Amino acid sequence: MSDLLVQDGGPLTTIQDLGRFGHLRVGIPTSGPMDREAFVLANRLVGNDDNAAGLECTLLGPRLEFTDARLVAITGADMAPTLNGAPAPTWESLAVKAGDVLRLGPVRRGVRTYVAVAGGIQTPLVLESRATYPRGRLGGLEGRALRKGDRLALGRAVASSARRVRPDRIPAYPGEAEVAVILGPQEDRFTRAGIDAFLTGPYEILPQSDRMGARLKGPFIEHTRGHDIISDGVPMGAVQVIGEGQPIVLLADRQSAGGYTKIATVCSFDLGRIGQLKPGGRLRFRRVTVAEAHAMLRDSRRALDTAIE
């Protein structure tokens, strides 16, 4: 079996697949990629199943050495990748051979870059997933970020032709994003002025943001009778509002339950935009109905399925 050799892991490079489902009842989050669409496209470019394990690189990428010939794809944030010192293309299949070294540098646009290798990364399954959950030391490689000297086993690559993402489907990752939300489930715990403030924004992404949640700073969101509730389940994208009247968007490594009021939930197809906003980036929320959200989800799935040519 072939290996991927880690010469430098970067500050936070983790192994992810589409996530670990069915265990929130015992406090284990889904994990998986923060930008699902970019992750899926990387896998499809190299002929992998959508759920094949790949790498999520944050702010500064790793340096990787290949031990055989296969296809690789780099999507997501722009980390100015190089192959053997020469600029490497992104959002398309890239053929590598034994001894080639891929390096991802400091991010220029966006936050998270994805690297898919034909055959996928074959670390042991933990609760039916290879997704890394660092806080719980689950999945990936020993439940941690990659570091120098790691060797990642690769699966058998299925023959696949080189492909690329259509240029008009490659995201620009600007410093400001607008995301669709469904109000609730505790909409009644906020004043009309508080809801208007939330929907007007903008909110700034704070440096304390991570894979668990995006902490925001902006217009004060007023409660009607306090911010605490009896703890209940929190979905991906739930927007909690703490006592200071500031929102937190809960993301891939979120807790399974929480006792803060939730003003809204970000629609799943827009969560990747939040995952690609740097600290200091600006975020606005736009209210949609459930019917509108369903239609937008169908549109986003069609766009994903027709993005590769």
Protein backbone atom coordinates (compact mmCIF):
# COMPACT_ATOMS: atom_id res chain seq x y z
CA MET A 1 0.00 0.00 0.00
CA SER A 2 1.26 3.48 -0.88
CA ASP A 3 1.92 6.24 1.64
CA LEU A 4 1.67 9.99 1.74
CA LEU A 5 4.65 11.34 3.69
CA VAL A 6 4.20 14.49 5.78
CA GLN A 7 7.36 16.60 5.67
CA ASP A 8 5.62 19.50 7.45
CA GLY A 9 2.09 19.37 8.82
CA GLY A 10 1.35 23.08 8.96
CA PRO A 11 -0.48 24.57 11.98
CA LEU A 12 -3.78 22.70 11.56
CA THR A 13 -4.04 20.05 8.87
CA THR A 14 -6.52 17.30 9.66
CA ILE A 15 -7.92 14.25 7.94
CA GLN A 16 -11.63 14.61 7.19
CA ASP A 17 -14.38 12.73 5.43
CA LEU A 18 -17.99 13.88 5.21
CA GLY A 19 -18.50 13.30 8.91
CA ARG A 20 -19.43 11.00 11.76
CA PHE A 21 -23.22 10.68 11.96
CA GLY A 22 -25.55 9.19 14.55
CA HIS A 23 -23.60 9.89 17.73
CA LEU A 24 -24.78 13.32 18.86
CA ARG A 25 -26.88 11.64 21.52
CA VAL A 26 -23.65 10.71 23.33
CA GLY A 27 -21.97 14.07 22.75
CA ILE A 28 -19.88 13.22 19.68
CA PRO A 29 -20.18 15.85 16.92
CA THR A 30 -20.34 15.22 13.21
CA SER A 31 -17.00 16.88 12.37
CA GLY A 32 -16.14 16.65 8.65
CA PRO A 33 -15.13 19.50 6.32
CA MET A 34 -16.01 23.10 7.10
CA ASP A 35 -16.53 23.74 3.36
CA ARG A 36 -18.39 20.65 2.18
CA GLU A 37 -18.70 21.72 -1.47
CA ALA A 38 -14.96 22.33 -1.92
CA PHE A 39 -14.21 19.00 -0.22
CA VAL A 40 -16.62 17.05 -2.44
CA LEU A 41 -15.30 18.66 -5.61
CA ALA A 42 -11.73 17.72 -4.68
CA ASN A 43 -12.75 14.07 -4.33
CA ARG A 44 -14.68 14.06 -7.59
CA LEU A 45 -11.74 15.54 -9.48
CA VAL A 46 -9.61 12.50 -8.65
CA GLY A 47 -12.32 9.87 -9.10
CA ASN A 48 -12.96 9.24 -5.40
CA ASP A 49 -16.26 8.64 -3.66
CA ASP A 50 -17.57 11.88 -2.11
CA ASN A 51 -16.92 10.48 1.37
CA ALA A 52 -13.28 9.48 0.77
CA ALA A 53 -10.93 10.90 3.41
CA GLY A 54 -8.80 13.87 2.40
CA LEU A 55 -7.01 16.76 4.06
CA GLU A 56 -8.38 20.03 5.41
CA CYS A 57 -5.62 22.65 5.74
CA THR A 58 -6.18 25.83 7.75
CA LEU A 59 -4.45 29.19 7.06
CA LEU A 60 -1.10 27.59 6.22
CA GLY A 61 -0.74 24.30 4.42
CA PRO A 62 1.48 21.24 4.77
CA ARG A 63 4.39 19.89 2.73
CA LEU A 64 3.66 16.40 1.38
CA GLU A 65 5.72 13.80 -0.48
CA PHE A 66 4.19 11.15 -2.72
CA THR A 67 5.52 7.61 -3.02
CA ASP A 68 3.82 6.60 -6.27
CA ALA A 69 2.00 8.03 -9.28
CA ARG A 70 -1.63 9.09 -8.87
CA LEU A 71 -4.02 12.03 -9.26
CA VAL A 72 -4.29 14.83 -6.70
CA ALA A 73 -6.68 17.79 -6.49
CA ILE A 74 -6.49 21.03 -4.51
CA THR A 75 -9.63 23.09 -3.90
CA GLY A 76 -10.87 25.70 -1.45
CA ALA A 77 -8.80 28.61 -0.19
CA ASP A 78 -5.84 29.85 -2.23
CA MET A 79 -2.61 28.69 -0.56
CA ALA A 80 -0.41 29.22 -3.63
CA PRO A 81 0.46 25.51 -3.97
CA THR A 82 3.67 24.38 -5.61
CA LEU A 83 4.76 20.99 -6.93
CA ASN A 84 8.52 20.50 -6.78
CA GLY A 85 8.87 24.28 -6.44
CA ALA A 86 6.76 25.18 -9.51
CA PRO A 87 3.24 26.66 -9.25
CA ALA A 88 0.61 23.93 -9.14
CA PRO A 89 -2.92 24.29 -10.54
CA THR A 90 -5.98 24.26 -8.31
CA TRP A 91 -9.58 23.17 -8.93
CA GLU A 92 -8.39 20.53 -11.41
CA SER A 93 -6.79 17.09 -11.44
CA LEU A 94 -3.02 17.07 -11.05
CA ALA A 95 -0.85 14.04 -11.88
CA VAL A 96 2.01 13.37 -9.45
CA LYS A 97 4.70 10.68 -9.37
CA ALA A 98 6.89 9.07 -6.76
CA GLY A 99 9.19 11.59 -5.08
CA ASP A 100 7.10 14.64 -5.99
CA VAL A 101 6.64 17.19 -3.19
CA LEU A 102 3.49 19.29 -2.88
CA ARG A 103 3.67 22.40 -0.71
CA LEU A 104 0.82 24.68 0.35
CA GLY A 105 1.85 28.11 1.63
CA PRO A 106 0.13 30.85 3.63
CA VAL A 107 -3.46 31.44 2.63
CA ARG A 108 -4.14 34.39 0.32
CA ARG A 109 -7.93 34.13 -0.02
CA GLY A 110 -10.27 32.10 2.13
CA VAL A 111 -9.27 30.04 5.16
CA ARG A 112 -9.40 26.31 4.39
CA THR A 113 -7.89 24.33 1.54
CA TYR A 114 -8.71 20.72 0.66
CA VAL A 115 -6.34 18.11 -0.77
CA ALA A 116 -7.80 14.92 -2.21
CA VAL A 117 -5.60 12.04 -3.34
CA ALA A 118 -6.88 9.30 -5.64
CA GLY A 119 -7.70 6.27 -3.51
CA GLY A 120 -8.31 8.34 -0.41
CA ILE A 121 -6.50 8.30 2.93
CA GLN A 122 -6.93 4.98 4.71
CA THR A 123 -6.61 5.65 8.42
CA PRO A 124 -8.68 3.40 10.73
CA LEU A 125 -12.41 4.03 10.95
CA VAL A 126 -13.65 5.35 14.29
CA LEU A 127 -17.42 5.04 14.67
CA GLU A 128 -17.64 4.48 10.90
CA SER A 129 -15.77 7.66 9.97
CA ARG A 130 -12.20 8.89 9.46
CA ALA A 131 -13.09 12.52 10.30
CA THR A 132 -10.78 14.09 12.87
CA TYR A 133 -12.33 15.53 16.03
CA PRO A 134 -9.29 16.99 17.84
CA ARG A 135 -11.09 17.96 21.06
CA GLY A 136 -12.20 14.37 21.54
CA ARG A 137 -9.04 12.83 20.02
CA LEU A 138 -11.17 10.81 17.63
CA GLY A 139 -10.61 9.79 14.03
CA GLY A 140 -8.01 10.86 11.52
CA LEU A 141 -4.51 10.03 12.68
CA GLU A 142 -4.61 9.47 16.45
CA GLY A 143 -7.33 12.11 16.68
CA ARG A 144 -4.88 14.97 16.08
CA ALA A 145 -3.55 17.40 13.49
CA LEU A 146 -0.79 16.14 11.21
CA ARG A 147 2.86 16.71 12.06
CA LYS A 148 6.27 16.13 10.55
CA GLY A 149 7.10 12.48 10.02
CA ASP A 150 3.54 11.16 9.72
CA ARG A 151 2.88 8.53 7.06
CA LEU A 152 -0.67 8.28 5.71
CA ALA A 153 -1.70 5.06 4.00
CA LEU A 154 -3.48 5.54 0.67
CA GLY A 155 -6.08 3.33 -0.93
CA ARG A 156 -5.91 1.85 -4.39
CA ALA A 157 -6.48 4.54 -6.99
CA VAL A 158 -9.26 3.93 -9.49
CA ALA A 159 -8.36 4.87 -13.06
CA SER A 160 -9.71 8.34 -13.79
CA SER A 161 -9.14 10.97 -16.45
CA ALA A 162 -7.99 14.48 -15.62
CA ARG A 163 -10.87 16.88 -15.00
CA ARG A 164 -11.40 20.45 -13.85
CA VAL A 165 -14.01 22.62 -12.20
CA ARG A 166 -15.69 25.04 -14.60
CA PRO A 167 -14.08 28.47 -14.17
CA ASP A 168 -17.45 30.13 -13.50
CA ARG A 169 -18.05 27.72 -10.58
CA ILE A 170 -14.81 28.50 -8.72
CA PRO A 171 -15.62 30.65 -5.65
CA ALA A 172 -13.74 33.91 -5.11
CA TYR A 173 -13.87 33.82 -1.27
CA PRO A 174 -14.39 37.55 -0.68
CA GLY A 175 -13.98 39.08 2.76
CA GLU A 176 -17.76 39.50 3.19
CA ALA A 177 -20.54 36.95 2.85
CA GLU A 178 -24.31 36.84 3.09
CA VAL A 179 -25.92 33.61 4.28
CA ALA A 180 -29.52 32.42 4.33
CA VAL A 181 -31.14 31.63 7.67
CA ILE A 182 -34.40 30.19 8.97
CA LEU A 183 -35.50 32.05 12.11
CA GLY A 184 -35.98 30.00 15.29
CA PRO A 185 -36.33 27.74 17.18
CA GLN A 186 -36.37 30.35 19.98
CA GLU A 187 -37.37 33.31 17.83
CA ASP A 188 -39.92 34.31 20.48
CA ARG A 189 -37.12 34.94 23.00
CA PHE A 190 -35.94 38.01 21.05
CA THR A 191 -37.51 41.44 20.66
CA ARG A 192 -38.47 42.75 17.24
CA ALA A 193 -35.58 45.21 17.52
CA GLY A 194 -33.24 42.34 18.33
CA ILE A 195 -34.33 40.34 15.29
CA ASP A 196 -34.03 43.42 13.07
CA ALA A 197 -30.50 44.02 14.36
CA PHE A 198 -29.56 40.41 13.64
CA LEU A 199 -30.88 40.61 10.09
CA THR A 200 -29.31 44.02 9.44
CA GLY A 201 -25.74 43.37 10.62
CA PRO A 202 -23.04 43.19 9.54
CA TYR A 203 -21.16 41.00 12.02
CA GLU A 204 -17.40 40.63 12.19
CA ILE A 205 -15.71 37.23 12.47
CA LEU A 206 -13.62 37.18 15.65
CA PRO A 207 -10.18 35.51 16.02
CA GLN A 208 -11.64 33.13 18.64
CA SER A 209 -13.60 31.38 15.87
CA ASP A 210 -12.71 27.76 15.14
CA ARG A 211 -14.20 24.50 13.88
CA MET A 212 -16.62 24.47 16.82
CA GLY A 213 -18.18 27.82 16.04
CA ALA A 214 -17.82 31.25 14.46
CA ARG A 215 -17.87 33.94 17.14
CA LEU A 216 -19.26 37.24 15.87
CA LYS A 217 -19.29 40.87 16.92
CA GLY A 218 -21.78 43.43 15.72
CA PRO A 219 -25.19 44.99 16.44
CA PHE A 220 -26.62 44.12 19.85
CA ILE A 221 -29.38 41.46 19.75
CA GLU A 222 -31.94 42.09 22.47
CA HIS A 223 -33.60 39.22 24.36
CA THR A 224 -37.12 39.40 25.73
CA ARG A 225 -36.47 37.49 28.97
CA GLY A 226 -32.88 36.40 29.23
CA HIS A 227 -30.49 34.31 27.17
CA ASP A 228 -30.61 31.00 29.10
CA ILE A 229 -32.91 28.09 28.28
CA ILE A 230 -33.05 24.47 29.36
CA SER A 231 -30.33 22.82 27.27
CA ASP A 232 -31.58 21.24 24.08
CA GLY A 233 -30.08 19.86 20.88
CA VAL A 234 -28.19 22.16 18.52
CA PRO A 235 -28.12 21.53 14.76
CA MET A 236 -25.27 22.40 12.45
CA GLY A 237 -25.53 26.11 11.69
CA ALA A 238 -27.53 27.02 14.81
CA VAL A 239 -27.02 30.66 15.80
CA GLN A 240 -26.82 31.02 19.56
CA VAL A 241 -27.02 34.47 21.15
CA ILE A 242 -25.11 34.79 24.41
CA GLY A 243 -25.87 37.19 27.26
CA GLU A 244 -23.81 39.98 25.68
CA GLY A 245 -26.24 39.99 22.74
CA GLN A 246 -23.69 38.62 20.28
CA PRO A 247 -24.20 35.58 18.01
CA ILE A 248 -22.18 32.39 17.62
CA VAL A 249 -22.73 30.17 14.58
CA LEU A 250 -22.21 26.53 15.56
CA LEU A 251 -20.19 24.54 13.03
CA ALA A 252 -18.71 21.09 12.34
CA ASP A 253 -17.23 20.37 15.79
CA ARG A 254 -20.11 21.92 17.73
CA GLN A 255 -21.39 20.55 21.02
CA SER A 256 -24.46 18.33 20.85
CA ALA A 257 -26.62 20.44 23.21
CA GLY A 258 -26.61 23.99 24.56
CA GLY A 259 -28.44 26.30 26.92
CA TYR A 260 -28.30 29.59 25.00
CA THR A 261 -31.26 30.85 23.00
CA LYS A 262 -31.03 30.21 19.26
CA ILE A 263 -32.30 33.00 17.05
CA ALA A 264 -31.87 31.19 13.73
CA THR A 265 -30.20 28.36 11.81
CA VAL A 266 -27.92 28.95 8.83
CA CYS A 267 -28.97 26.90 5.80
CA SER A 268 -26.60 24.00 5.13
CA PHE A 269 -25.66 25.11 1.62
CA ASP A 270 -24.25 28.41 2.97
CA LEU A 271 -22.14 27.06 5.85
CA GLY A 272 -19.05 26.76 3.67
CA ARG A 273 -19.05 30.52 3.17
CA ILE A 274 -18.66 31.00 6.90
CA GLY A 275 -15.87 28.43 7.05
CA GLN A 276 -13.92 30.44 4.48
CA LEU A 277 -14.17 33.83 6.22
CA LYS A 278 -11.01 35.06 7.94
CA PRO A 279 -11.07 36.87 11.28
CA GLY A 280 -12.12 40.42 10.49
CA GLY A 281 -14.36 39.24 7.66
CA ARG A 282 -17.96 40.44 7.62
CA LEU A 283 -21.08 38.32 7.70
CA ARG A 284 -24.70 39.23 7.05
CA PHE A 285 -27.80 37.11 7.61
CA ARG A 286 -30.78 37.00 5.24
CA ARG A 287 -34.09 35.52 6.33
CA VAL A 288 -35.69 32.94 4.02
CA THR A 289 -38.74 30.70 4.37
CA VAL A 290 -38.50 26.93 4.63
CA ALA A 291 -39.88 26.58 1.09
CA GLU A 292 -37.29 29.03 -0.22
CA ALA A 293 -34.53 27.17 1.61
CA HIS A 294 -35.60 23.87 0.05
CA ALA A 295 -35.52 25.41 -3.42
CA MET A 296 -32.09 26.93 -2.76
CA LEU A 297 -30.81 23.57 -1.54
CA ARG A 298 -31.97 21.88 -4.74
CA ASP A 299 -30.27 24.62 -6.78
CA SER A 300 -27.02 24.23 -4.83
CA ARG A 301 -27.02 20.46 -5.39
CA ARG A 302 -27.55 20.92 -9.11
CA ALA A 303 -24.73 23.45 -9.22
CA LEU A 304 -22.41 21.02 -7.43
CA ASP A 305 -23.32 18.15 -9.74
CA THR A 306 -22.63 20.22 -12.87
CA ALA A 307 -19.50 22.02 -11.64
CA ILE A 308 -16.93 19.64 -13.15
CA GLU A 309 -16.26 19.47 -16.88
